[in-house]
Each structure stands twice: as structure tokens, then as C-alpha cells.
Amino acid sequence: MRYVLLMYGDESDWAGPAGRRYAAHDAFIELLKSRGAYVDGEEVNGPRRAVTLRKESGEVLRTDGPFAETAEQVGGFYLIEARDLDEAIELAKQCPERIVEVRPVVEFTG
């Protein structure tokens, strides 16, 4: 099964020298690859670059900024392959970010 690991944090957590943080993610990617679990992953721009669209009464309303007004924002994701949720959680525990949400990906057959 595929799972997405969504990484959350305060934007200030990602400020400062990126070298150590990126090295930790490089090591995490190597761990995922060694387990045959790595599919993809990306860092996303900060919440100030987000645009949220809401559809209401046939109109599309645009708001600059993230969907939720919270200190913790999505900073990136990994798409992984795991045997089951327990294995996905065990892999997510190794992610260097402080908050990681694990969600199964809906598999459509067509």
C-alpha cells in the first residue's frame, strides 16, 4: 500500500541553516530507499506562497495564504510504499521532522 507522510511545523523551525536539516532528510530518504519504501517526496514553499480556493454557491473565492490559520503548516511530503499502516508508522518515526501525519493513499482501480 502507498502512504503519504505529511510533515508539519512552524515556519520558523525551517529558518536558518538548511544544511543540517537537508542532511537529515537525505539520510531519511536513504533509509526509505534501503527498505524499498521510497516513491517520491518534495519540500513545499512556505504558507505565505499558498493560495486557497473555496467553492461556495457556484463561485470560486480566492484567499492568499494557507487553508488553516495555525502556527503549524505543511512543509513537505513523502510518498512511500509500506506493507501496512504499522510499517508506515515505523518508517514515519524515522522522519527528522517534529510532526508527521501518516495517511493511506486511496488506490483507484480502473
N, C-alpha and C. Protein backbone atom coordinates (compact mmCIF):
# COMPACT_ATOMS: atom_id res chain seq x y z
N MET A 1 0.83 -1.18 0.00
CA MET A 1 0.00 0.00 0.00
C MET A 1 0.88 1.24 0.00
N ARG A 2 0.33 2.32 -0.54
CA ARG A 2 1.04 3.59 -0.52
C ARG A 2 0.49 4.47 0.59
N TYR A 3 1.40 5.23 1.18
CA TYR A 3 1.06 6.16 2.25
C TYR A 3 1.75 7.48 1.97
N VAL A 4 1.10 8.56 2.40
CA VAL A 4 1.75 9.87 2.31
C VAL A 4 2.12 10.27 3.74
N LEU A 5 3.33 10.76 3.90
CA LEU A 5 3.79 11.31 5.16
C LEU A 5 3.81 12.82 4.99
N LEU A 6 2.91 13.50 5.66
CA LEU A 6 2.83 14.96 5.59
C LEU A 6 3.60 15.54 6.77
N MET A 7 4.54 16.42 6.47
CA MET A 7 5.39 16.98 7.51
C MET A 7 4.90 18.38 7.86
N TYR A 8 4.66 18.61 9.14
CA TYR A 8 4.15 19.88 9.63
C TYR A 8 5.18 20.53 10.56
N GLY A 9 5.13 21.84 10.62
CA GLY A 9 5.96 22.55 11.58
C GLY A 9 5.69 24.03 11.52
N ASP A 10 6.28 24.73 12.44
CA ASP A 10 6.23 26.18 12.45
C ASP A 10 7.24 26.67 11.41
N GLU A 11 6.85 27.62 10.61
CA GLU A 11 7.73 28.11 9.55
C GLU A 11 9.08 28.54 10.10
N SER A 12 9.11 29.03 11.32
CA SER A 12 10.38 29.45 11.92
C SER A 12 11.29 28.26 12.19
N ASP A 13 10.71 27.05 12.32
CA ASP A 13 11.53 25.85 12.51
C ASP A 13 12.42 25.59 11.30
N TRP A 14 12.00 26.06 10.15
CA TRP A 14 12.72 25.78 8.91
C TRP A 14 13.65 26.92 8.52
N ALA A 15 13.66 27.98 9.32
CA ALA A 15 14.55 29.11 9.04
C ALA A 15 15.96 28.75 9.50
N GLY A 16 16.91 29.51 9.04
CA GLY A 16 18.29 29.29 9.45
C GLY A 16 19.01 28.33 8.53
N PRO A 17 20.16 27.82 8.97
CA PRO A 17 20.98 26.95 8.11
C PRO A 17 20.23 25.69 7.69
N ALA A 18 20.17 25.48 6.41
CA ALA A 18 19.43 24.32 5.89
C ALA A 18 20.29 23.07 5.80
N GLY A 19 21.61 23.22 5.83
CA GLY A 19 22.50 22.09 5.61
C GLY A 19 22.23 20.90 6.49
N ARG A 20 22.13 21.12 7.80
CA ARG A 20 21.92 20.01 8.74
C ARG A 20 20.55 19.39 8.52
N ARG A 21 19.54 20.23 8.30
CA ARG A 21 18.19 19.73 8.07
C ARG A 21 18.13 18.88 6.80
N TYR A 22 18.74 19.37 5.73
CA TYR A 22 18.73 18.62 4.48
C TYR A 22 19.53 17.33 4.61
N ALA A 23 20.61 17.36 5.35
CA ALA A 23 21.39 16.13 5.56
C ALA A 23 20.54 15.09 6.28
N ALA A 24 19.73 15.53 7.26
CA ALA A 24 18.86 14.59 7.97
C ALA A 24 17.82 14.00 7.03
N HIS A 25 17.29 14.81 6.11
CA HIS A 25 16.32 14.29 5.14
C HIS A 25 17.00 13.38 4.13
N ASP A 26 18.21 13.71 3.72
CA ASP A 26 18.94 12.81 2.81
C ASP A 26 19.12 11.44 3.45
N ALA A 27 19.46 11.42 4.74
CA ALA A 27 19.62 10.14 5.45
C ALA A 27 18.29 9.40 5.53
N PHE A 28 17.20 10.13 5.76
CA PHE A 28 15.88 9.51 5.82
C PHE A 28 15.51 8.91 4.47
N ILE A 29 15.77 9.63 3.39
CA ILE A 29 15.49 9.12 2.04
C ILE A 29 16.30 7.85 1.79
N GLU A 30 17.55 7.83 2.18
CA GLU A 30 18.38 6.63 2.00
C GLU A 30 17.81 5.45 2.79
N LEU A 31 17.32 5.72 4.01
CA LEU A 31 16.68 4.66 4.80
C LEU A 31 15.46 4.12 4.06
N LEU A 32 14.61 5.02 3.57
CA LEU A 32 13.42 4.59 2.82
C LEU A 32 13.81 3.78 1.59
N LYS A 33 14.81 4.24 0.86
CA LYS A 33 15.25 3.52 -0.34
C LYS A 33 15.80 2.14 0.02
N SER A 34 16.55 2.05 1.11
CA SER A 34 17.12 0.76 1.50
C SER A 34 16.03 -0.24 1.90
N ARG A 35 14.88 0.27 2.32
CA ARG A 35 13.75 -0.59 2.69
C ARG A 35 12.80 -0.82 1.52
N GLY A 36 13.10 -0.22 0.34
CA GLY A 36 12.22 -0.35 -0.82
C GLY A 36 10.93 0.42 -0.65
N ALA A 37 10.93 1.44 0.22
CA ALA A 37 9.70 2.17 0.55
C ALA A 37 9.59 3.52 -0.14
N TYR A 38 10.69 4.07 -0.63
CA TYR A 38 10.66 5.43 -1.18
C TYR A 38 9.99 5.44 -2.55
N VAL A 39 9.00 6.34 -2.72
CA VAL A 39 8.36 6.56 -4.01
C VAL A 39 8.68 7.97 -4.49
N ASP A 40 8.45 8.97 -3.63
CA ASP A 40 8.67 10.37 -4.01
C ASP A 40 8.63 11.23 -2.76
N GLY A 41 9.03 12.46 -2.90
CA GLY A 41 8.95 13.41 -1.80
C GLY A 41 9.38 14.78 -2.26
N GLU A 42 8.82 15.79 -1.66
CA GLU A 42 9.14 17.17 -2.04
C GLU A 42 8.96 18.09 -0.84
N GLU A 43 9.75 19.14 -0.81
CA GLU A 43 9.52 20.24 0.11
C GLU A 43 8.58 21.21 -0.59
N VAL A 44 7.71 21.86 0.16
CA VAL A 44 6.82 22.85 -0.44
C VAL A 44 7.19 24.23 0.09
N ASN A 45 6.86 25.25 -0.67
CA ASN A 45 7.11 26.62 -0.24
C ASN A 45 6.30 26.94 1.00
N GLY A 46 6.72 27.97 1.71
CA GLY A 46 6.06 28.38 2.94
C GLY A 46 4.64 28.85 2.73
N PRO A 47 3.90 29.00 3.83
CA PRO A 47 2.49 29.35 3.75
C PRO A 47 2.22 30.72 3.11
N ARG A 48 3.19 31.61 3.13
CA ARG A 48 2.97 32.92 2.50
C ARG A 48 2.82 32.80 0.99
N ARG A 49 3.28 31.69 0.42
CA ARG A 49 3.17 31.48 -1.03
C ARG A 49 1.91 30.70 -1.40
N ALA A 50 1.13 30.29 -0.40
CA ALA A 50 -0.06 29.47 -0.65
C ALA A 50 -1.22 30.33 -1.15
N VAL A 51 -2.09 29.69 -1.90
CA VAL A 51 -3.35 30.28 -2.34
C VAL A 51 -4.43 29.23 -2.04
N THR A 52 -5.50 29.64 -1.40
CA THR A 52 -6.60 28.73 -1.07
C THR A 52 -7.82 29.11 -1.89
N LEU A 53 -8.43 28.12 -2.52
CA LEU A 53 -9.66 28.33 -3.29
C LEU A 53 -10.81 27.64 -2.57
N ARG A 54 -11.92 28.36 -2.44
CA ARG A 54 -13.13 27.81 -1.83
C ARG A 54 -14.29 27.99 -2.82
N LYS A 55 -15.03 26.92 -3.01
CA LYS A 55 -16.18 26.98 -3.90
C LYS A 55 -17.43 27.11 -3.05
N GLU A 56 -18.14 28.22 -3.24
CA GLU A 56 -19.37 28.48 -2.49
C GLU A 56 -20.42 29.05 -3.42
N SER A 57 -21.57 28.44 -3.43
CA SER A 57 -22.71 28.91 -4.23
C SER A 57 -22.33 29.16 -5.68
N GLY A 58 -21.56 28.27 -6.26
CA GLY A 58 -21.19 28.38 -7.67
C GLY A 58 -20.07 29.35 -7.94
N GLU A 59 -19.54 30.01 -6.93
CA GLU A 59 -18.43 30.94 -7.11
C GLU A 59 -17.16 30.36 -6.51
N VAL A 60 -16.03 30.78 -7.05
CA VAL A 60 -14.75 30.39 -6.51
C VAL A 60 -14.15 31.60 -5.82
N LEU A 61 -13.91 31.45 -4.52
CA LEU A 61 -13.33 32.52 -3.73
C LEU A 61 -11.85 32.22 -3.51
N ARG A 62 -11.03 33.22 -3.74
CA ARG A 62 -9.58 33.05 -3.59
C ARG A 62 -9.10 33.79 -2.34
N THR A 63 -8.29 33.10 -1.55
CA THR A 63 -7.65 33.71 -0.39
C THR A 63 -6.17 33.46 -0.50
N ASP A 64 -5.37 34.51 -0.36
CA ASP A 64 -3.93 34.32 -0.32
C ASP A 64 -3.56 33.79 1.05
N GLY A 65 -2.80 32.73 1.07
CA GLY A 65 -2.39 32.11 2.32
C GLY A 65 -2.93 30.71 2.45
N PRO A 66 -2.54 30.03 3.52
CA PRO A 66 -2.92 28.63 3.71
C PRO A 66 -4.37 28.48 4.12
N PHE A 67 -4.89 27.26 4.05
CA PHE A 67 -6.27 26.95 4.41
C PHE A 67 -6.52 27.24 5.89
N ALA A 68 -5.61 26.78 6.75
CA ALA A 68 -5.79 26.94 8.19
C ALA A 68 -4.86 28.03 8.71
N GLU A 69 -5.38 28.85 9.59
CA GLU A 69 -4.56 29.89 10.22
C GLU A 69 -3.99 29.31 11.51
N THR A 70 -2.91 28.57 11.38
CA THR A 70 -2.27 27.96 12.54
C THR A 70 -0.77 28.20 12.45
N ALA A 71 -0.08 27.96 13.55
CA ALA A 71 1.37 28.10 13.56
C ALA A 71 2.03 26.96 12.77
N GLU A 72 1.38 25.80 12.76
CA GLU A 72 1.96 24.63 12.10
C GLU A 72 1.39 24.51 10.69
N GLN A 73 2.28 24.47 9.73
CA GLN A 73 1.90 24.40 8.32
C GLN A 73 2.57 23.20 7.67
N VAL A 74 2.04 22.76 6.53
CA VAL A 74 2.65 21.68 5.77
C VAL A 74 3.96 22.20 5.18
N GLY A 75 5.03 21.45 5.39
CA GLY A 75 6.33 21.84 4.86
C GLY A 75 6.79 20.94 3.73
N GLY A 76 6.18 19.77 3.60
CA GLY A 76 6.58 18.84 2.55
C GLY A 76 5.90 17.50 2.76
N PHE A 77 6.26 16.55 1.90
CA PHE A 77 5.65 15.22 1.99
C PHE A 77 6.60 14.17 1.45
N TYR A 78 6.36 12.96 1.87
CA TYR A 78 6.98 11.77 1.26
C TYR A 78 5.84 10.85 0.86
N LEU A 79 5.98 10.23 -0.30
CA LEU A 79 5.07 9.17 -0.73
C LEU A 79 5.86 7.88 -0.58
N ILE A 80 5.34 6.95 0.21
CA ILE A 80 6.07 5.73 0.49
C ILE A 80 5.22 4.50 0.20
N GLU A 81 5.88 3.37 0.07
CA GLU A 81 5.23 2.05 -0.02
C GLU A 81 5.49 1.35 1.30
N ALA A 82 4.44 0.78 1.88
CA ALA A 82 4.59 0.02 3.11
C ALA A 82 3.62 -1.15 3.09
N ARG A 83 3.98 -2.18 3.82
CA ARG A 83 3.16 -3.39 3.89
C ARG A 83 1.79 -3.07 4.49
N ASP A 84 1.78 -2.22 5.53
CA ASP A 84 0.54 -1.87 6.22
C ASP A 84 0.77 -0.58 7.00
N LEU A 85 -0.26 -0.14 7.71
CA LEU A 85 -0.16 1.11 8.46
C LEU A 85 0.93 1.02 9.54
N ASP A 86 1.05 -0.12 10.18
CA ASP A 86 2.08 -0.26 11.22
C ASP A 86 3.48 -0.02 10.67
N GLU A 87 3.77 -0.58 9.49
CA GLU A 87 5.08 -0.36 8.89
C GLU A 87 5.25 1.11 8.48
N ALA A 88 4.19 1.72 7.94
CA ALA A 88 4.26 3.14 7.56
C ALA A 88 4.56 4.00 8.77
N ILE A 89 3.94 3.68 9.90
CA ILE A 89 4.18 4.44 11.13
C ILE A 89 5.62 4.24 11.59
N GLU A 90 6.12 3.02 11.54
CA GLU A 90 7.50 2.77 11.95
C GLU A 90 8.48 3.56 11.08
N LEU A 91 8.21 3.65 9.78
CA LEU A 91 9.06 4.44 8.90
C LEU A 91 8.93 5.93 9.22
N ALA A 92 7.70 6.39 9.46
CA ALA A 92 7.47 7.81 9.75
C ALA A 92 8.17 8.24 11.03
N LYS A 93 8.34 7.34 11.97
CA LYS A 93 9.04 7.66 13.22
C LYS A 93 10.48 8.07 12.96
N GLN A 94 11.04 7.65 11.84
CA GLN A 94 12.43 7.96 11.50
C GLN A 94 12.57 9.31 10.79
N CYS A 95 11.46 9.91 10.39
CA CYS A 95 11.49 11.19 9.69
C CYS A 95 12.04 12.26 10.63
N PRO A 96 12.93 13.13 10.14
CA PRO A 96 13.54 14.13 11.01
C PRO A 96 12.62 15.27 11.44
N GLU A 97 11.44 15.38 10.89
CA GLU A 97 10.54 16.48 11.27
C GLU A 97 9.81 16.14 12.57
N ARG A 98 9.43 17.16 13.31
CA ARG A 98 8.80 17.00 14.62
C ARG A 98 7.38 16.45 14.53
N ILE A 99 6.61 16.86 13.50
CA ILE A 99 5.23 16.40 13.33
C ILE A 99 5.08 15.76 11.96
N VAL A 100 4.66 14.51 11.94
CA VAL A 100 4.46 13.78 10.68
C VAL A 100 3.08 13.12 10.74
N GLU A 101 2.24 13.44 9.78
CA GLU A 101 0.92 12.83 9.66
C GLU A 101 1.02 11.71 8.62
N VAL A 102 0.51 10.53 8.96
CA VAL A 102 0.56 9.36 8.07
C VAL A 102 -0.86 9.11 7.56
N ARG A 103 -1.00 9.10 6.23
CA ARG A 103 -2.32 8.81 5.64
C ARG A 103 -2.19 7.80 4.52
N PRO A 104 -3.08 6.81 4.49
CA PRO A 104 -3.10 5.88 3.37
C PRO A 104 -3.57 6.62 2.11
N VAL A 105 -3.02 6.22 0.99
CA VAL A 105 -3.43 6.77 -0.30
C VAL A 105 -4.56 5.90 -0.83
N VAL A 106 -5.61 6.51 -1.31
CA VAL A 106 -6.74 5.76 -1.88
C VAL A 106 -6.30 5.22 -3.24
N GLU A 107 -6.37 3.93 -3.39
CA GLU A 107 -5.97 3.29 -4.64
C GLU A 107 -7.20 3.09 -5.51
N PHE A 108 -7.24 3.76 -6.63
CA PHE A 108 -8.34 3.60 -7.57
C PHE A 108 -7.97 2.54 -8.60
N THR A 109 -8.91 1.70 -8.91
CA THR A 109 -8.72 0.73 -9.98
C THR A 109 -9.65 1.10 -11.11
N GLY A 110 -9.12 1.02 -12.30
CA GLY A 110 -9.96 1.49 -13.40
C GLY A 110 -9.88 0.71 -14.59
